[in-house]
Amino acid sequence: MTRQPSLLPLRATLVLVLSLLTAILAGGLSYLADQSLPAAVLIGGGAAGGALALFDKIIDRQM
């Protein structure tokens, strides 16, 4: 039985999942504070972009 290759490497998966969690938390907290869904989506998207860049830099490429 041969093992199928993974769709994404472990590092890429980890970076994307952490970015998604950051976006959900930032958007959720923004929505709780302001009760504005469009603003929460924009804040969550901005947080995801920043988190993606941050986690890409700090997570070792040797994984």
Protein backbone atom coordinates (compact mmCIF):
# COMPACT_ATOMS: atom_id res chain seq x y z
CA MET A 1 0.00 0.00 0.00
CA THR A 2 1.58 3.26 -1.12
CA ARG A 3 1.18 6.47 0.78
CA GLN A 4 -0.36 9.33 -1.17
CA PRO A 5 1.50 12.64 -1.08
CA SER A 6 -0.10 15.34 1.03
CA LEU A 7 -1.87 18.23 -0.66
CA LEU A 8 0.02 20.85 1.38
CA PRO A 9 3.25 20.59 3.33
CA LEU A 10 2.99 20.69 7.11
CA ARG A 11 4.49 24.19 7.37
CA ALA A 12 2.05 25.69 4.86
CA THR A 13 -0.89 24.05 6.60
CA LEU A 14 0.24 25.35 9.99
CA VAL A 15 0.74 28.90 8.70
CA LEU A 16 -2.70 28.94 7.03
CA VAL A 17 -4.51 27.48 10.05
CA LEU A 18 -2.90 29.94 12.45
CA SER A 19 -3.80 32.82 10.12
CA LEU A 20 -7.38 31.62 9.91
CA LEU A 21 -7.64 31.37 13.70
CA THR A 22 -6.24 34.89 14.04
CA ALA A 23 -8.80 36.21 11.54
CA ILE A 24 -11.69 34.50 13.33
CA LEU A 25 -10.62 35.83 16.72
CA ALA A 26 -10.01 39.38 15.48
CA GLY A 27 -13.28 39.46 13.53
CA GLY A 28 -15.24 37.96 16.40
CA LEU A 29 -13.87 40.42 18.94
CA SER A 30 -14.51 43.29 16.55
CA TYR A 31 -18.11 42.16 16.04
CA LEU A 32 -18.67 41.86 19.78
CA ALA A 33 -17.35 45.37 20.30
CA ASP A 34 -19.14 47.15 17.45
CA GLN A 35 -21.99 44.89 16.25
CA SER A 36 -21.07 45.66 12.62
CA LEU A 37 -20.61 42.58 10.45
CA PRO A 38 -18.97 44.34 7.46
CA ALA A 39 -16.42 46.01 9.73
CA ALA A 40 -15.72 42.70 11.49
CA VAL A 41 -15.11 40.96 8.14
CA LEU A 42 -12.71 43.71 7.04
CA ILE A 43 -10.84 43.62 10.33
CA GLY A 44 -10.64 39.83 10.23
CA GLY A 45 -9.31 39.94 6.67
CA GLY A 46 -6.68 42.47 7.60
CA ALA A 47 -5.66 40.43 10.60
CA ALA A 48 -5.39 37.31 8.43
CA GLY A 49 -3.06 39.07 6.01
CA GLY A 50 -0.85 40.37 8.78
CA ALA A 51 -0.82 37.03 10.57
CA LEU A 52 0.06 35.21 7.35
CA ALA A 53 3.10 37.42 6.86
CA LEU A 54 4.10 37.11 10.52
CA PHE A 55 3.74 33.33 10.78
CA ASP A 56 5.52 32.88 7.45
CA LYS A 57 8.53 34.71 8.88
CA ILE A 58 8.63 33.10 12.33
CA ILE A 59 7.85 29.46 11.57
CA ASP A 60 11.03 27.66 10.61
CA ARG A 61 11.30 26.52 6.98
CA GLN A 62 13.08 23.35 8.10
CA MET A 63 9.82 21.71 9.24
